[in-house]
Amino acid sequence: MPTIRIIGQERAIARLAKLGRLDLYRGALMAGGRQLKRVIAVYPPTSEANDPSRQRWYARGYGPRWRTRSGVHGRNTSKKLGTKWTVEAENNGMRVVVGNLTSYGPYVQDWAQQAKFHAARGWKTDSQVVGEERERVIKFVLDSIREALR
C-alpha cells in the first residue's frame, strides 16, 4: 500500500516521548489505518459481472457461477476480499501497515497490479484510497499530537 508520511513527526515524537504520551500518537496511527481499511474494504456497486440472469457470473462471497441444462453450478473460491483487510502495528506501534490476506487482492486493488476489468467495474486501488484519505489520516495524527502537547 502506498505510504503516508507526516512531515516533522520526528520532533513531535521526541517531545511526546519526553512527556510519556507516545500512546496517543500510536493510537492516532492505528485510527488512521482503520480509516484506510474502512474505505478500501467497500465493494463497488454490482455490475453485469454479478448478474445471475447471465449464463456466467460472479457471485460475491461465493465465486464463479454458471448455468447449464442440468442447473446452476459454481466453485466456492471467494476468500471474501472485503473482510480480509488488516491493520497491524510495527516498530513498537510507530508504524501501521494496512494489508489484505487474500491471494488475489493485488489483482483487484493494488495500484500496480490491478486487472483492467476490476478498474472498469469501480474497484478502488490502494493508491486511490490513500490519496482520498491522506488529509484525514494526517489530521488524526496531528490532532493527537496537539492534544498530547497541551
Protein backbone atom coordinates (compact mmCIF):
# COMPACT_ATOMS: atom_id res chain seq x y z
CA MET A 1 0.00 0.00 0.00
CA PRO A 2 1.29 3.49 -0.73
CA THR A 3 2.72 5.43 2.19
CA ILE A 4 1.52 8.44 4.15
CA ARG A 5 4.37 10.36 5.73
CA ILE A 6 3.93 13.14 8.23
CA ILE A 7 6.47 15.93 7.86
CA GLY A 8 8.13 16.90 11.13
CA GLN A 9 6.90 13.90 13.06
CA GLU A 10 10.37 13.11 14.41
CA ARG A 11 10.46 16.29 16.52
CA ALA A 12 6.91 15.73 17.71
CA ILE A 13 7.66 12.11 18.59
CA ALA A 14 10.70 13.19 20.61
CA ARG A 15 8.60 15.69 22.57
CA LEU A 16 5.83 13.16 23.14
CA ALA A 17 8.36 10.60 24.35
CA LYS A 18 9.66 13.10 26.93
CA LEU A 19 6.10 13.64 28.11
CA GLY A 20 5.36 9.92 28.18
CA ARG A 21 2.49 10.37 25.70
CA LEU A 22 3.52 8.20 22.77
CA ASP A 23 0.35 6.18 23.41
CA LEU A 24 -1.71 8.97 21.87
CA TYR A 25 0.48 9.02 18.78
CA ARG A 26 0.30 5.23 18.40
CA GLY A 27 -3.46 5.35 18.83
CA ALA A 28 -3.79 8.01 16.17
CA LEU A 29 -1.71 5.96 13.73
CA MET A 30 -3.98 2.96 14.32
CA ALA A 31 -7.07 5.15 13.87
CA GLY A 32 -5.65 6.33 10.56
CA GLY A 33 -5.00 2.75 9.48
CA ARG A 34 -8.53 1.71 10.44
CA GLN A 35 -9.91 4.61 8.39
CA LEU A 36 -7.99 3.41 5.31
CA LYS A 37 -9.24 -0.12 5.92
CA ARG A 38 -12.86 1.05 6.22
CA VAL A 39 -12.69 2.82 2.87
CA ILE A 40 -10.77 0.25 0.84
CA ALA A 41 -12.91 -2.67 2.09
CA VAL A 42 -16.04 -1.21 0.47
CA TYR A 43 -17.10 -3.10 -2.65
CA PRO A 44 -18.18 -1.12 -5.69
CA PRO A 45 -21.79 -1.49 -6.82
CA THR A 46 -22.61 -4.77 -8.52
CA SER A 47 -22.18 -4.86 -12.28
CA GLU A 48 -23.13 -7.09 -15.18
CA ALA A 49 -20.39 -9.45 -13.97
CA ASN A 50 -22.53 -10.18 -10.88
CA ASP A 51 -25.84 -10.59 -12.74
CA PRO A 52 -27.25 -14.12 -12.18
CA SER A 53 -29.54 -13.80 -15.21
CA ARG A 54 -26.44 -14.21 -17.39
CA GLN A 55 -25.00 -17.55 -18.48
CA ARG A 56 -21.85 -16.98 -16.37
CA TRP A 57 -21.47 -14.58 -13.46
CA TYR A 58 -19.50 -13.98 -10.28
CA ALA A 59 -21.44 -14.35 -7.03
CA ARG A 60 -19.83 -12.18 -4.37
CA GLY A 61 -18.90 -14.20 -1.32
CA TYR A 62 -19.01 -17.44 -3.31
CA GLY A 63 -17.16 -17.35 -6.63
CA PRO A 64 -17.83 -18.06 -10.30
CA ARG A 65 -21.23 -19.48 -11.19
CA TRP A 66 -22.60 -20.79 -14.47
CA ARG A 67 -25.79 -22.21 -15.84
CA THR A 68 -26.07 -25.45 -17.83
CA ARG A 69 -29.02 -27.64 -18.85
CA SER A 70 -28.58 -29.58 -15.63
CA GLY A 71 -28.78 -26.49 -13.43
CA VAL A 72 -26.58 -23.88 -11.79
CA HIS A 73 -23.03 -24.81 -10.91
CA GLY A 74 -20.10 -22.98 -9.39
CA ARG A 75 -16.88 -23.04 -7.47
CA ASN A 76 -16.69 -21.65 -3.96
CA THR A 77 -13.41 -19.79 -4.44
CA SER A 78 -14.14 -16.47 -2.75
CA LYS A 79 -11.86 -15.52 0.11
CA LYS A 80 -14.15 -12.56 0.88
CA LEU A 81 -11.72 -9.78 -0.01
CA GLY A 82 -13.50 -7.05 1.92
CA THR A 83 -13.28 -8.92 5.22
CA LYS A 84 -9.60 -9.77 4.83
CA TRP A 85 -8.17 -6.27 5.19
CA THR A 86 -5.88 -5.96 8.20
CA VAL A 87 -4.32 -3.12 10.19
CA GLU A 88 -1.16 -4.03 12.06
CA ALA A 89 1.28 -2.04 14.15
CA GLU A 90 5.00 -2.43 13.56
CA ASN A 91 8.11 -0.88 15.09
CA ASN A 92 6.62 -0.76 18.59
CA GLY A 93 3.45 0.89 17.26
CA MET A 94 5.29 3.67 15.46
CA ARG A 95 4.34 2.36 12.02
CA VAL A 96 1.00 1.00 10.84
CA VAL A 97 0.58 -1.31 7.86
CA VAL A 98 -2.73 -1.90 6.09
CA GLY A 99 -2.83 -5.06 4.00
CA ASN A 100 -5.01 -7.82 2.62
CA LEU A 101 -4.71 -11.55 3.30
CA THR A 102 -6.23 -12.84 0.05
CA SER A 103 -4.03 -14.21 -2.70
CA TYR A 104 -5.98 -12.36 -5.40
CA GLY A 105 -6.24 -8.99 -3.60
CA PRO A 106 -3.43 -7.34 -5.58
CA TYR A 107 -5.20 -8.05 -8.88
CA VAL A 108 -8.31 -6.34 -7.54
CA GLN A 109 -6.98 -3.37 -5.53
CA ASP A 110 -3.22 -2.91 -5.85
CA TRP A 111 -2.37 0.19 -7.89
CA ALA A 112 0.45 -1.57 -9.76
CA GLN A 113 -1.27 -4.92 -10.38
CA GLN A 114 -5.00 -4.20 -10.70
CA ALA A 115 -6.61 -6.03 -13.63
CA LYS A 116 -8.26 -3.67 -16.11
CA PHE A 117 -11.67 -5.30 -15.74
CA HIS A 118 -11.60 -4.61 -11.97
CA ALA A 119 -10.77 -0.96 -12.62
CA ALA A 120 -13.60 -0.78 -15.16
CA ARG A 121 -16.04 -2.10 -12.54
CA GLY A 122 -15.11 0.55 -9.98
CA TRP A 123 -12.72 -1.21 -7.62
CA LYS A 124 -10.61 1.43 -5.87
CA THR A 125 -6.89 0.85 -5.65
CA ASP A 126 -4.80 1.29 -2.54
CA SER A 127 -3.24 4.37 -4.10
CA GLN A 128 -6.64 5.95 -4.78
CA VAL A 129 -7.78 5.34 -1.21
CA VAL A 130 -4.58 6.77 0.27
CA GLY A 131 -4.96 9.82 -1.99
CA GLU A 132 -8.57 10.33 -0.92
CA GLU A 133 -7.93 9.76 2.80
CA ARG A 134 -4.44 11.24 3.22
CA GLU A 135 -5.61 14.53 4.73
CA ARG A 136 -8.00 12.81 7.14
CA VAL A 137 -5.30 10.41 8.36
CA ILE A 138 -2.78 13.22 8.81
CA LYS A 139 -5.41 15.18 10.74
CA PHE A 140 -5.95 12.21 13.11
CA VAL A 141 -2.25 12.15 13.87
CA LEU A 142 -1.71 15.90 14.13
CA ASP A 143 -4.76 16.34 16.35
CA SER A 144 -3.49 13.66 18.70
CA ILE A 145 -0.06 15.30 18.86
CA ARG A 146 -1.63 18.68 19.63
CA GLU A 147 -3.80 17.09 22.33
CA ALA A 148 -0.82 15.39 23.92
CA LEU A 149 1.28 18.55 23.91
CA ARG A 150 -1.39 20.65 25.67
